[in-house]
């Protein structure tokens, strides 16, 4: 048997070795100076050990001598392939900033688009690690022509309809890079070292004469306000860990169920302090996240979009091991009232739950739509209308626990009620509901009587107390307007009983899906 190496082996090894060097030692060192990992280091951190199968390793630009032999090779600045996250298969693409700043127009677009098409074809989640400087006018010199900006073979919409898609901003993401982050079901950016914008500071200065730092233009402090990117991370490890956690709740695709996990957290666990979780004084606030942690499986809450639309909280979590979507109002932000941002956030989350088969639990403390000149200017009611349309289409099993307030149009949007949806809801004894809150309504309806009293403040409180007695949830329960009024400490066991029936609906509907 011959032990002579085949003639093709040295070239194969040389090309593979050159690809692993990325943009070279100096470019890698500059990446580290910016506080950023290389694309390959990010893949090593994100994926299970030894699970990455790289595809398209030979894509790039080779240099040859007069005899046609390879003398040098620069890989494409897009790395793609398949791997595993917590043993589950994913398709992944990563921009290599060490090569031409990860520019989308300095790469072979067919390569990263193939990753997208592969995720769709094999119906597996897609993760994009984006670190791209966007387009460059130097492309004109390279191509000696220009092109209409489009990617006709990119199945972006169909991909979002079929599999979980995650976009991670690892650096400056402009133009197409920004779109790849945002066109996703979950997006996260790294504080200070990543930015997302239509165009960077040089273009802004040229167009508007404004000198602005890239973080002021598109950093996390900007997007936590506008909700463009859902989550922020303190560093790259945190961003990649959030990706791992998000995908741990998601199914491989819309034709699969989300994974159920074993738990040692008993359905009968009782947190005694819950009986006093809601202050007797309706004007006082409380910590809704502490309530969620007490009721859902311990350590299972994964919040999405904390800093945008903060009057509503949206989380993925587990209940007796079953994955669920969780919504709650936060009275610490705008009193918990629904503004346009909160409505958009809840709309987007309800669509995610509906698409990927999560039962939904809504902990309701909704005082109503935000009011006043700014609320009207921002189109708050349009946000409420859009949310109502989304809920009408939602088929997720849904239960509402009304823990304090449920008023007005926004209160009516605590769950789906159309198309035969079951309006399954319970109340804590601290709950109150109606067309408007009593505190505001009393002053509007009894203004003359209150002002004419010897002690207007005392008379107002007396009238409010009268109406509060009429508005007791027990009176609604007498007429079967609510399924039951429960001790807050019973909430976990009640929901753990409900989730079995909810999951049966999810499983049955899945079996009926067309293949």
Protein backbone atom coordinates (compact mmCIF):
# COMPACT_ATOMS: atom_id res chain seq x y z
CA UNK A 1 0.00 0.00 0.00
CA UNK A 2 1.37 3.39 -1.00
CA UNK A 3 2.01 5.96 1.76
CA UNK A 4 2.57 8.84 -0.65
CA UNK A 5 0.15 11.68 0.01
CA UNK A 6 -2.23 12.53 -2.84
CA UNK A 7 -1.22 15.58 -4.86
CA UNK A 8 -4.35 17.49 -3.85
CA UNK A 9 -3.80 17.15 -0.12
CA UNK A 10 -1.32 20.05 0.37
CA UNK A 11 -3.61 22.50 -1.40
CA UNK A 12 -6.63 21.34 0.60
CA UNK A 13 -4.77 21.76 3.87
CA UNK A 14 -3.34 25.13 2.82
CA UNK A 15 -6.77 26.50 1.97
CA UNK A 16 -8.29 25.25 5.22
CA UNK A 17 -5.43 26.64 7.28
CA UNK A 18 -5.69 30.02 5.55
CA UNK A 19 -9.41 30.14 6.26
CA UNK A 20 -8.85 29.65 9.98
CA UNK A 21 -6.46 32.62 10.02
CA UNK A 22 -9.38 34.87 9.05
CA UNK A 23 -8.12 38.42 8.37
CA UNK A 24 -4.67 37.76 9.81
CA UNK A 25 -2.95 38.33 13.15
CA UNK A 26 -3.05 42.14 13.01
CA UNK A 27 -6.77 42.27 12.22
CA UNK A 28 -7.52 39.77 14.99
CA UNK A 29 -5.51 41.87 17.45
CA UNK A 30 -7.50 44.99 16.48
CA UNK A 31 -10.70 43.06 17.09
CA UNK A 32 -9.51 42.18 20.59
CA UNK A 33 -8.55 45.81 21.28
CA UNK A 34 -12.15 46.79 20.56
CA UNK A 35 -13.28 44.34 23.25
CA UNK A 36 -14.75 41.95 20.69
CA UNK A 37 -14.34 38.25 20.06
CA UNK A 38 -13.61 36.97 16.57
CA UNK A 39 -16.40 35.28 14.65
CA UNK A 40 -14.89 31.86 15.34
CA UNK A 41 -14.53 32.56 19.05
CA UNK A 42 -18.20 33.51 19.14
CA UNK A 43 -19.15 30.25 17.45
CA UNK A 44 -17.03 28.30 19.95
CA UNK A 45 -18.82 29.99 22.86
CA UNK A 46 -22.34 29.68 21.47
CA UNK A 47 -22.32 26.13 20.12
CA UNK A 48 -21.93 22.84 21.92
CA UNK A 49 -18.32 21.69 21.91
CA UNK A 50 -17.17 20.08 18.63
CA UNK A 51 -20.66 20.39 17.13
CA UNK A 52 -19.92 22.98 14.40
CA UNK A 53 -19.89 21.69 10.85
CA UNK A 54 -18.62 24.48 8.64
CA UNK A 55 -19.89 24.80 5.09
CA UNK A 56 -18.42 26.87 2.28
CA UNK A 57 -14.89 26.85 3.71
CA UNK A 58 -13.39 27.22 0.26
CA UNK A 59 -15.32 30.40 -0.54
CA UNK A 60 -12.99 33.37 -0.86
CA UNK A 61 -10.33 34.83 -3.11
CA UNK A 62 -7.26 32.88 -4.17
CA UNK A 63 -4.02 34.29 -5.59
CA UNK A 64 -2.01 32.25 -8.10
CA UNK A 65 1.45 32.28 -9.67
CA UNK A 66 2.09 32.24 -13.40
CA UNK A 67 1.78 28.47 -13.39
CA UNK A 68 -1.64 28.60 -11.82
CA UNK A 69 -0.55 27.36 -8.42
CA UNK A 70 -2.14 28.81 -5.29
CA UNK A 71 0.11 31.29 -3.50
CA UNK A 72 -2.36 32.86 -1.05
CA UNK A 73 -6.00 32.60 -0.05
CA UNK A 74 -8.31 35.05 1.73
CA UNK A 75 -11.56 33.50 2.96
CA UNK A 76 -14.95 35.14 2.57
CA UNK A 77 -15.98 37.29 5.52
CA UNK A 78 -19.09 35.18 6.09
CA UNK A 79 -18.81 31.95 8.08
CA UNK A 80 -21.74 29.54 8.04
CA UNK A 81 -22.70 25.99 8.88
CA UNK A 82 -24.66 23.89 11.35
CA UNK A 83 -24.16 23.08 14.99
CA UNK A 84 -25.94 22.33 18.22
CA UNK A 85 -27.11 24.53 21.09
CA UNK A 86 -28.00 22.46 24.15
CA UNK A 87 -27.98 19.44 21.82
CA UNK A 88 -30.60 20.98 19.47
CA UNK A 89 -29.62 21.50 15.83
CA UNK A 90 -29.29 25.05 14.48
CA UNK A 91 -28.09 26.74 11.32
CA UNK A 92 -25.73 29.64 11.93
CA UNK A 93 -24.00 32.44 10.05
CA UNK A 94 -21.39 34.82 11.43
CA UNK A 95 -19.82 37.93 9.94
CA UNK A 96 -16.02 38.03 10.15
CA UNK A 97 -15.18 41.65 10.94
CA UNK A 98 -11.44 40.97 10.58
CA UNK A 99 -11.95 40.79 6.82
CA UNK A 100 -13.01 44.13 5.32
CA UNK A 101 -15.00 45.00 8.45
CA UNK A 102 -17.51 42.27 7.65
CA UNK A 103 -18.88 44.38 4.79
CA UNK A 104 -21.93 42.84 3.16
CA UNK A 105 -20.75 44.01 -0.24
CA UNK A 106 -17.24 42.62 0.21
CA UNK A 107 -18.55 39.12 0.67
CA UNK A 108 -20.12 36.43 -1.48
CA UNK A 109 -23.82 36.97 -0.85
CA UNK A 110 -24.64 33.49 -2.09
CA UNK A 111 -22.90 32.07 0.97
CA UNK A 112 -24.87 33.76 3.74
CA UNK A 113 -28.09 33.45 1.77
CA UNK A 114 -27.43 29.71 1.45
CA UNK A 115 -27.42 29.51 5.24
CA UNK A 116 -30.87 31.14 5.28
CA UNK A 117 -32.19 28.83 2.57
CA UNK A 118 -30.71 25.82 4.35
CA UNK A 119 -32.42 26.77 7.62
CA UNK A 120 -35.71 26.94 5.74
CA UNK A 121 -35.16 23.76 3.72
CA UNK A 122 -34.23 21.67 6.78
CA UNK A 123 -36.61 23.55 9.05
CA UNK A 124 -34.09 24.36 11.74
CA UNK A 125 -33.58 27.53 13.81
CA UNK A 126 -31.32 30.20 12.32
CA UNK A 127 -28.88 32.32 14.31
CA UNK A 128 -27.21 35.35 12.71
CA UNK A 129 -24.15 36.82 14.44
CA UNK A 130 -24.01 40.19 12.71
CA UNK A 131 -20.91 42.41 12.67
CA UNK A 132 -21.14 44.19 9.36
CA UNK A 133 -20.08 47.61 8.13
CA UNK A 134 -22.72 47.44 5.41
CA UNK A 135 -22.24 48.59 1.81
CA UNK A 136 -19.32 50.43 0.27
CA UNK A 137 -18.89 52.59 -2.82
CA UNK A 138 -15.69 50.62 -3.51
CA UNK A 139 -17.97 47.94 -4.93
CA UNK A 140 -18.40 50.16 -7.99
CA UNK A 141 -14.69 50.01 -8.67
CA UNK A 142 -14.62 46.28 -8.10
CA UNK A 143 -17.62 45.49 -10.33
CA UNK A 144 -17.19 48.36 -12.82
CA UNK A 145 -20.97 48.70 -12.54
CA UNK A 146 -23.66 48.99 -9.94
CA UNK A 147 -26.77 47.01 -9.08
CA UNK A 148 -30.28 47.49 -7.83
CA UNK A 149 -30.23 46.68 -4.08
CA UNK A 150 -32.05 43.38 -3.72
CA UNK A 151 -31.52 39.73 -2.83
CA UNK A 152 -34.09 37.94 -4.94
CA UNK A 153 -33.26 34.45 -3.62
CA UNK A 154 -33.37 35.40 0.07
CA UNK A 155 -36.45 33.66 1.59
CA UNK A 156 -36.70 36.10 4.50
CA UNK A 157 -40.50 36.19 4.94
CA UNK A 158 -40.99 32.44 4.51
CA UNK A 159 -38.15 31.81 6.95
CA UNK A 160 -39.82 33.93 9.63
CA UNK A 161 -43.07 32.06 9.03
CA UNK A 162 -41.42 28.65 9.54
CA UNK A 163 -38.48 28.56 11.97
CA UNK A 164 -37.16 30.53 14.96
CA UNK A 165 -34.79 33.27 13.76
CA UNK A 166 -32.36 35.09 16.07
CA UNK A 167 -30.41 38.24 15.20
CA UNK A 168 -27.43 39.29 17.34
CA UNK A 169 -25.72 42.66 16.90
CA UNK A 170 -22.05 42.01 17.72
CA UNK A 171 -20.69 45.26 16.29
CA UNK A 172 -21.74 48.09 14.02
CA UNK A 173 -24.69 46.81 11.96
CA UNK A 174 -25.65 49.16 9.15
CA UNK A 175 -27.98 48.72 6.19
CA UNK A 176 -28.28 45.03 5.41
CA UNK A 177 -26.55 44.20 8.69
CA UNK A 178 -29.28 46.05 10.58
CA UNK A 179 -31.97 44.22 8.62
CA UNK A 180 -30.41 40.84 9.49
CA UNK A 181 -30.58 41.70 13.19
CA UNK A 182 -34.12 43.03 13.11
CA UNK A 183 -35.72 40.53 10.74
CA UNK A 184 -35.98 37.99 13.56
CA UNK A 185 -38.12 36.62 16.35
CA UNK A 186 -35.54 37.59 18.96
CA UNK A 187 -32.87 40.26 18.73
CA UNK A 188 -30.15 41.25 21.18
CA UNK A 189 -27.26 43.73 21.08
CA UNK A 190 -24.09 44.14 23.12
CA UNK A 191 -23.85 47.34 25.14
CA UNK A 192 -21.33 49.91 23.90
CA UNK A 193 -19.65 47.63 21.32
CA UNK A 194 -22.63 47.16 18.99
CA UNK A 195 -24.84 49.58 17.12
CA UNK A 196 -27.78 49.21 14.75
CA UNK A 197 -28.69 51.92 12.25
CA UNK A 198 -29.70 52.56 8.65
CA UNK A 199 -26.35 54.29 8.04
CA UNK A 200 -23.42 55.19 10.24
CA UNK A 201 -22.00 58.54 11.43
CA UNK A 202 -20.04 59.36 8.23
CA UNK A 203 -23.20 59.15 6.11
CA UNK A 204 -25.18 61.14 8.69
CA UNK A 205 -22.54 63.86 8.73
CA UNK A 206 -22.51 64.07 4.95
CA UNK A 207 -26.30 64.14 4.70
CA UNK A 208 -27.20 66.36 7.66
CA UNK A 209 -23.99 67.99 8.78
CA UNK A 210 -24.32 66.36 12.20
CA UNK A 211 -21.31 65.00 14.08
CA UNK A 212 -22.56 62.12 16.20
CA UNK A 213 -20.95 59.14 17.91
CA UNK A 214 -22.09 55.74 16.70
CA UNK A 215 -23.44 54.84 20.16
CA UNK A 216 -25.51 58.03 20.28
CA UNK A 217 -26.83 57.22 16.82
CA UNK A 218 -27.67 53.54 17.20
CA UNK A 219 -26.42 52.18 20.51
CA UNK A 220 -28.35 50.27 23.15
CA UNK A 221 -29.52 53.41 24.97
CA UNK A 222 -31.30 54.46 21.77
CA UNK A 223 -32.92 51.12 21.04
CA UNK A 224 -34.01 50.36 24.59
CA UNK A 225 -36.32 53.37 24.11
CA UNK A 226 -37.64 52.58 20.65
CA UNK A 227 -37.80 48.78 20.90
CA UNK A 228 -35.94 48.28 17.62
CA UNK A 229 -33.74 45.65 19.29
CA UNK A 230 -35.52 43.70 22.00
CA UNK A 231 -32.78 42.86 24.49
CA UNK A 232 -29.41 44.23 25.50
CA UNK A 233 -26.42 42.36 26.90
CA UNK A 234 -23.62 43.50 29.17
CA UNK A 235 -21.02 41.73 27.01
CA UNK A 236 -20.72 39.22 24.18
CA UNK A 237 -20.91 36.22 26.52
CA UNK A 238 -24.18 37.55 27.93
CA UNK A 239 -25.61 38.09 24.42
CA UNK A 240 -24.74 34.56 23.33
CA UNK A 241 -26.07 33.11 26.59
CA UNK A 242 -29.37 34.91 25.94
CA UNK A 243 -29.51 33.25 22.52
CA UNK A 244 -29.01 29.87 24.18
CA UNK A 245 -31.79 30.57 26.70
CA UNK A 246 -34.25 31.87 24.11
CA UNK A 247 -33.82 28.85 21.88
CA UNK A 248 -34.16 26.47 24.85
CA UNK A 249 -37.89 27.33 24.88
CA UNK A 250 -38.46 27.23 21.11
CA UNK A 251 -39.33 24.24 18.92
CA UNK A 252 -37.19 23.41 15.89
CA UNK A 253 -39.94 24.78 13.64
CA UNK A 254 -43.67 25.55 13.58
CA UNK A 255 -44.43 21.86 12.92
CA UNK A 256 -42.90 20.80 16.25
CA UNK A 257 -43.86 21.38 19.87
CA UNK A 258 -41.73 23.45 22.24
CA UNK A 259 -39.61 21.20 24.48
CA UNK A 260 -41.03 20.10 27.83
CA UNK A 261 -38.41 19.59 30.54
CA UNK A 262 -38.32 17.79 33.86
CA UNK A 263 -38.58 19.95 36.96
CA UNK A 264 -38.20 19.40 40.67
CA UNK A 265 -40.35 22.46 41.44
CA UNK A 266 -43.57 21.07 42.92
CA UNK A 267 -46.92 22.23 41.52
CA UNK A 268 -48.01 22.55 45.12
CA UNK A 269 -45.24 24.97 46.15
CA UNK A 270 -46.80 27.89 48.01
CA UNK A 271 -45.26 31.31 48.63
CA UNK A 272 -47.17 32.54 51.69
CA UNK A 273 -46.27 36.22 51.12
CA UNK A 274 -48.43 36.25 47.98
CA UNK A 275 -51.49 36.87 50.15
CA UNK A 276 -50.05 40.36 50.77
CA UNK A 277 -48.43 40.88 47.35
CA UNK A 278 -50.97 43.50 46.23
CA UNK A 279 -51.14 46.55 48.54
CA UNK A 280 -54.56 47.37 50.00
CA UNK A 281 -54.01 50.98 48.92
CA UNK A 282 -54.67 50.90 45.18
CA UNK A 283 -52.37 53.88 44.66
CA UNK A 284 -49.33 51.94 45.89
CA UNK A 285 -47.13 49.89 43.59
CA UNK A 286 -45.55 46.45 43.95
CA UNK A 287 -42.94 44.28 42.20
CA UNK A 288 -44.68 42.18 39.50
CA UNK A 289 -41.49 40.26 38.64
CA UNK A 290 -41.30 38.94 42.19
CA UNK A 291 -44.87 37.65 41.81
CA UNK A 292 -44.00 35.90 38.54
CA UNK A 293 -40.93 34.29 40.09
CA UNK A 294 -43.07 32.97 42.93
CA UNK A 295 -45.64 31.35 40.65
CA UNK A 296 -43.69 30.10 37.62
CA UNK A 297 -41.03 27.39 37.84
CA UNK A 298 -38.07 28.64 39.82
CA UNK A 299 -35.37 30.23 37.66
CA UNK A 300 -37.36 29.79 34.44
CA UNK A 301 -38.26 33.39 33.57
CA UNK A 302 -36.63 34.77 30.41
CA UNK A 303 -37.75 38.34 29.80
CA UNK A 304 -37.97 39.81 26.31
CA UNK A 305 -37.92 43.57 25.72
CA UNK A 306 -37.63 44.79 29.32
CA UNK A 307 -36.83 48.42 28.58
CA UNK A 308 -39.35 49.07 25.80
CA UNK A 309 -43.06 49.40 26.48
CA UNK A 310 -42.19 48.88 30.13
CA UNK A 311 -45.76 49.06 31.41
CA UNK A 312 -46.14 45.49 30.16
CA UNK A 313 -43.77 42.60 30.88
CA UNK A 314 -43.33 39.76 28.38
CA UNK A 315 -41.46 36.56 29.25
CA UNK A 316 -40.94 32.98 28.26
CA UNK A 317 -41.05 30.67 31.25
CA UNK A 318 -41.97 27.17 32.40
CA UNK A 319 -44.87 25.90 34.43
CA UNK A 320 -44.38 22.41 35.85
CA UNK A 321 -41.83 21.94 33.07
CA UNK A 322 -44.15 23.08 30.26
CA UNK A 323 -43.04 26.13 28.23
CA UNK A 324 -45.41 29.10 28.45
CA UNK A 325 -45.63 32.72 27.38
CA UNK A 326 -46.16 35.12 30.27
CA UNK A 327 -47.57 38.67 30.21
CA UNK A 328 -47.92 41.00 33.19
CA UNK A 329 -48.52 44.69 33.77
CA UNK A 330 -45.93 46.72 35.66
CA UNK A 331 -47.51 49.48 37.80
CA UNK A 332 -44.06 51.01 38.33
CA UNK A 333 -44.04 52.19 34.70
CA UNK A 334 -46.78 54.64 33.79
CA UNK A 335 -49.05 52.99 36.32
CA UNK A 336 -49.14 49.93 34.04
CA UNK A 337 -51.28 51.77 31.47
CA UNK A 338 -51.24 50.71 27.84
CA UNK A 339 -49.43 53.11 25.54
CA UNK A 340 -48.48 52.53 21.92
CA UNK A 341 -45.16 50.91 22.82
CA UNK A 342 -46.76 48.51 25.29
CA UNK A 343 -49.46 47.56 22.77
CA UNK A 344 -46.87 46.86 20.07
CA UNK A 345 -44.80 44.80 22.49
CA UNK A 346 -47.78 42.71 23.57
CA UNK A 347 -48.91 42.31 19.96
CA UNK A 348 -45.52 41.03 18.86
CA UNK A 349 -45.26 38.67 21.82
CA UNK A 350 -48.74 37.21 21.33
CA UNK A 351 -47.84 36.49 17.70
CA UNK A 352 -44.66 34.71 18.80
CA UNK A 353 -46.63 32.56 21.25
CA UNK A 354 -49.29 31.76 18.67
CA UNK A 355 -46.77 30.86 15.98
CA UNK A 356 -44.63 28.57 18.12
CA UNK A 357 -47.39 26.99 20.23
CA UNK A 358 -46.95 28.52 23.68
CA UNK A 359 -49.91 28.59 26.07
CA UNK A 360 -50.21 32.12 27.49
CA UNK A 361 -50.72 33.34 31.05
CA UNK A 362 -51.62 36.99 31.54
CA UNK A 363 -51.35 38.55 35.00
CA UNK A 364 -53.64 41.53 34.58
CA UNK A 365 -53.30 44.87 36.35
CA UNK A 366 -54.47 47.15 33.56
CA UNK A 367 -55.73 50.65 34.50
CA UNK A 368 -56.59 51.39 30.87
CA UNK A 369 -55.11 53.20 27.92
CA UNK A 370 -52.68 56.01 28.60
CA UNK A 371 -54.41 59.37 28.23
CA UNK A 372 -53.39 62.96 27.60
CA UNK A 373 -51.89 64.97 24.71
CA UNK A 374 -48.75 62.82 24.29
CA UNK A 375 -50.75 59.59 24.30
CA UNK A 376 -53.02 60.95 21.57
CA UNK A 377 -50.07 62.30 19.58
CA UNK A 378 -48.42 58.88 19.71
CA UNK A 379 -51.53 57.10 18.46
CA UNK A 380 -52.15 55.01 21.56
CA UNK A 381 -55.60 53.90 20.43
CA UNK A 382 -54.21 52.61 17.12
CA UNK A 383 -51.82 50.43 19.10
CA UNK A 384 -54.77 49.06 21.07
CA UNK A 385 -56.70 48.34 17.87
CA UNK A 386 -53.72 46.46 16.36
CA UNK A 387 -53.36 44.42 19.54
CA UNK A 388 -57.03 43.55 19.43
CA UNK A 389 -56.66 42.29 15.86
CA UNK A 390 -53.65 40.17 16.85
CA UNK A 391 -55.52 38.66 19.81
CA UNK A 392 -58.49 37.83 17.58
CA UNK A 393 -56.15 35.70 15.45
CA UNK A 394 -54.32 34.10 18.38
CA UNK A 395 -55.12 30.39 18.88
CA UNK A 396 -52.90 29.80 21.92
CA UNK A 397 -54.67 28.43 25.01
CA UNK A 398 -54.90 31.50 27.23
CA UNK A 399 -55.66 32.12 30.88
CA UNK A 400 -55.93 35.52 32.57
CA UNK A 401 -55.34 36.06 36.28
CA UNK A 402 -56.75 39.48 37.17
CA UNK A 403 -54.66 40.49 40.15
CA UNK A 404 -55.72 44.14 40.56
CA UNK A 405 -57.18 46.41 37.84
CA UNK A 406 -58.87 45.71 34.52
CA UNK A 407 -60.43 48.85 33.07
CA UNK A 408 -61.53 50.28 29.74
CA UNK A 409 -60.56 49.29 26.23
CA UNK A 410 -57.07 48.20 27.30
CA UNK A 411 -58.59 46.07 30.07
CA UNK A 412 -60.81 44.37 27.50
CA UNK A 413 -57.65 43.28 25.68
CA UNK A 414 -56.49 40.99 28.46
CA UNK A 415 -57.04 37.93 26.26
CA UNK A 416 -58.59 36.56 23.05
CA UNK A 417 -62.39 36.47 22.98
CA UNK A 418 -63.27 36.16 19.30
CA UNK A 419 -63.58 33.16 16.96
CA UNK A 420 -64.69 30.84 19.74
CA UNK A 421 -61.73 31.55 22.01
CA UNK A 422 -62.39 30.58 25.63
CA UNK A 423 -62.33 33.63 27.89
CA UNK A 424 -60.69 31.63 30.72
CA UNK A 425 -60.02 33.94 33.66
CA UNK A 426 -59.71 34.04 37.42
CA UNK A 427 -59.34 36.88 39.90
CA UNK A 428 -57.53 37.60 43.11
CA UNK A 429 -59.63 39.20 45.88
CA UNK A 430 -57.70 42.43 45.24
CA UNK A 431 -59.07 42.71 41.70
CA UNK A 432 -61.40 45.44 40.45
CA UNK A 433 -62.76 46.12 36.96
CA UNK A 434 -65.13 48.26 34.98
CA UNK A 435 -65.34 50.86 32.23
CA UNK A 436 -63.17 53.35 34.15
CA UNK A 437 -61.26 53.26 37.47
CA UNK A 438 -63.39 54.31 40.43
CA UNK A 439 -60.94 56.93 41.67
CA UNK A 440 -61.17 58.94 38.46
CA UNK A 441 -64.79 58.13 37.77
CA UNK A 442 -66.08 59.34 41.15
CA UNK A 443 -64.68 62.82 40.67
CA UNK A 444 -66.15 63.02 37.17
CA UNK A 445 -69.62 61.76 38.18
CA UNK A 446 -69.95 63.45 41.60
CA UNK A 447 -67.95 66.64 41.11
CA UNK A 448 -70.70 69.04 42.23
CA UNK A 449 -71.62 66.94 45.26
CA UNK A 450 -68.01 66.64 46.38
CA UNK A 451 -67.23 70.33 45.94
CA UNK A 452 -70.34 71.33 47.89
CA UNK A 453 -69.47 69.14 50.88
CA UNK A 454 -68.11 70.63 54.11
CA UNK A 455 -65.10 68.31 53.73
CA UNK A 456 -64.72 67.57 49.98
CA UNK A 457 -61.81 65.16 50.46
CA UNK A 458 -63.68 63.12 53.06
CA UNK A 459 -66.83 63.03 50.93
CA UNK A 460 -64.84 61.86 47.89
CA UNK A 461 -63.32 58.98 49.90
CA UNK A 462 -66.76 58.06 51.25
CA UNK A 463 -68.21 57.83 47.74
CA UNK A 464 -65.21 55.89 46.49
CA UNK A 465 -65.64 53.37 49.32
CA UNK A 466 -69.31 52.92 48.34
CA UNK A 467 -68.38 52.14 44.73
CA UNK A 468 -65.50 49.88 45.74
CA UNK A 469 -67.93 47.72 47.69
CA UNK A 470 -70.18 47.47 44.62
CA UNK A 471 -67.15 46.61 42.48
CA UNK A 472 -66.06 43.68 44.65
CA UNK A 473 -64.95 40.70 42.53
CA UNK A 474 -67.14 38.49 44.70
CA UNK A 475 -70.22 40.24 43.32
CA UNK A 476 -69.04 39.51 39.75
CA UNK A 477 -68.42 35.89 40.74
CA UNK A 478 -72.01 35.62 41.99
CA UNK A 479 -73.14 36.27 38.41
CA UNK A 480 -70.50 33.99 36.87
CA UNK A 481 -68.69 36.97 35.33
CA UNK A 482 -65.46 35.39 36.56
CA UNK A 483 -64.70 31.67 36.92
CA UNK A 484 -63.49 31.96 40.47
CA UNK A 485 -61.96 34.30 43.01
CA UNK A 486 -58.85 32.57 44.33
CA UNK A 487 -56.40 32.98 47.14
CA UNK A 488 -53.21 34.33 45.51
CA UNK A 489 -51.31 31.48 47.15
CA UNK A 490 -53.35 28.99 45.12
CA UNK A 491 -52.31 30.47 41.79
CA UNK A 492 -49.40 28.14 41.04
CA UNK A 493 -51.33 24.93 41.73
CA UNK A 494 -54.32 26.19 39.72
CA UNK A 495 -52.11 27.04 36.73
CA UNK A 496 -50.24 23.72 36.96
CA UNK A 497 -53.63 22.01 36.72
CA UNK A 498 -54.63 24.21 33.75
CA UNK A 499 -51.42 23.66 31.81
CA UNK A 500 -52.15 19.95 31.32
CA UNK A 501 -55.39 20.77 29.50
CA UNK A 502 -53.74 23.60 27.59
CA UNK A 503 -50.97 21.30 26.43
CA UNK A 504 -53.51 18.73 25.26
CA UNK A 505 -54.99 21.43 23.00
CA UNK A 506 -51.52 22.29 21.66
CA UNK A 507 -50.72 18.61 20.95
CA UNK A 508 -54.08 17.93 19.31
CA UNK A 509 -53.90 20.99 17.09
CA UNK A 510 -50.39 19.96 16.05
CA UNK A 511 -51.63 16.55 14.94
CA UNK A 512 -54.25 18.25 12.78
CA UNK A 513 -51.74 20.47 10.99
CA UNK A 514 -51.33 19.78 7.27
CA UNK A 515 -47.98 18.18 6.59
